Protein backbone atom coordinates (compact mmCIF):
# COMPACT_ATOMS: atom_id res chain seq x y z
CA MET A 1 0.00 -0.25 -0.27
CA TRP A 2 2.70 2.21 0.98
CA LEU A 3 4.70 1.35 -2.33
CA ILE A 4 1.46 2.44 -3.96
CA ASN A 5 0.83 6.13 -2.34
CA SER A 6 4.48 6.90 -2.74
CA HIS A 7 4.20 5.97 -5.98
CA LEU A 8 1.17 8.29 -6.97
CA VAL A 9 2.00 10.93 -4.94
CA LYS A 10 5.19 10.91 -7.45
CA LYS A 11 2.89 11.26 -10.35
CA VAL A 12 0.92 14.33 -8.84
CA VAL A 13 4.05 16.19 -7.83
CA LEU A 14 5.65 15.51 -11.11
CA LYS A 15 2.33 16.68 -13.09
CA ALA A 16 2.01 19.68 -11.29
CA GLU A 17 6.02 20.39 -12.03
CA ILE A 18 4.93 19.89 -15.98
CA LEU A 19 1.74 21.90 -15.44
CA GLN A 20 3.40 24.66 -14.08
CA LYS A 21 6.42 24.33 -15.92
CA GLY A 22 4.33 24.34 -19.18
CA HIS A 23 1.01 26.51 -18.23
CA ARG A 24 2.61 28.85 -20.68
CA ILE A 25 2.53 26.12 -23.32
CA TRP A 26 -1.37 25.02 -22.72
CA LEU A 27 -2.36 28.81 -22.54
CA CYS A 28 -0.69 29.24 -25.87
CA ILE A 29 -2.57 25.69 -27.28
CA ALA A 30 -6.17 26.96 -25.39
CA ILE A 31 -5.75 30.13 -26.95
CA ILE A 32 -5.11 28.55 -30.52
CA SER A 33 -7.70 26.29 -30.43
CA GLY A 34 -10.03 28.78 -29.20
CA TYR A 35 -9.12 30.68 -32.41
CA VAL A 36 -9.75 27.98 -34.39
CA ASN A 37 -13.30 26.69 -32.80
CA GLN A 38 -14.00 30.41 -33.44
CA PRO A 39 -15.20 30.33 -37.17
CA ASP A 40 -16.90 27.38 -36.00
CA ARG A 41 -19.29 28.71 -34.67
CA PRO A 42 -22.47 30.37 -36.47
């Protein structure tokens, strides 16, 4: 149980670090996808 828990914690920490580092990248992707999806709206 402890091994699984620590593994999950490590995964969460890694994801958090990736999100913090890639926040601007994801923001750009969201903005680009927003611009791409806009013309599809009536």
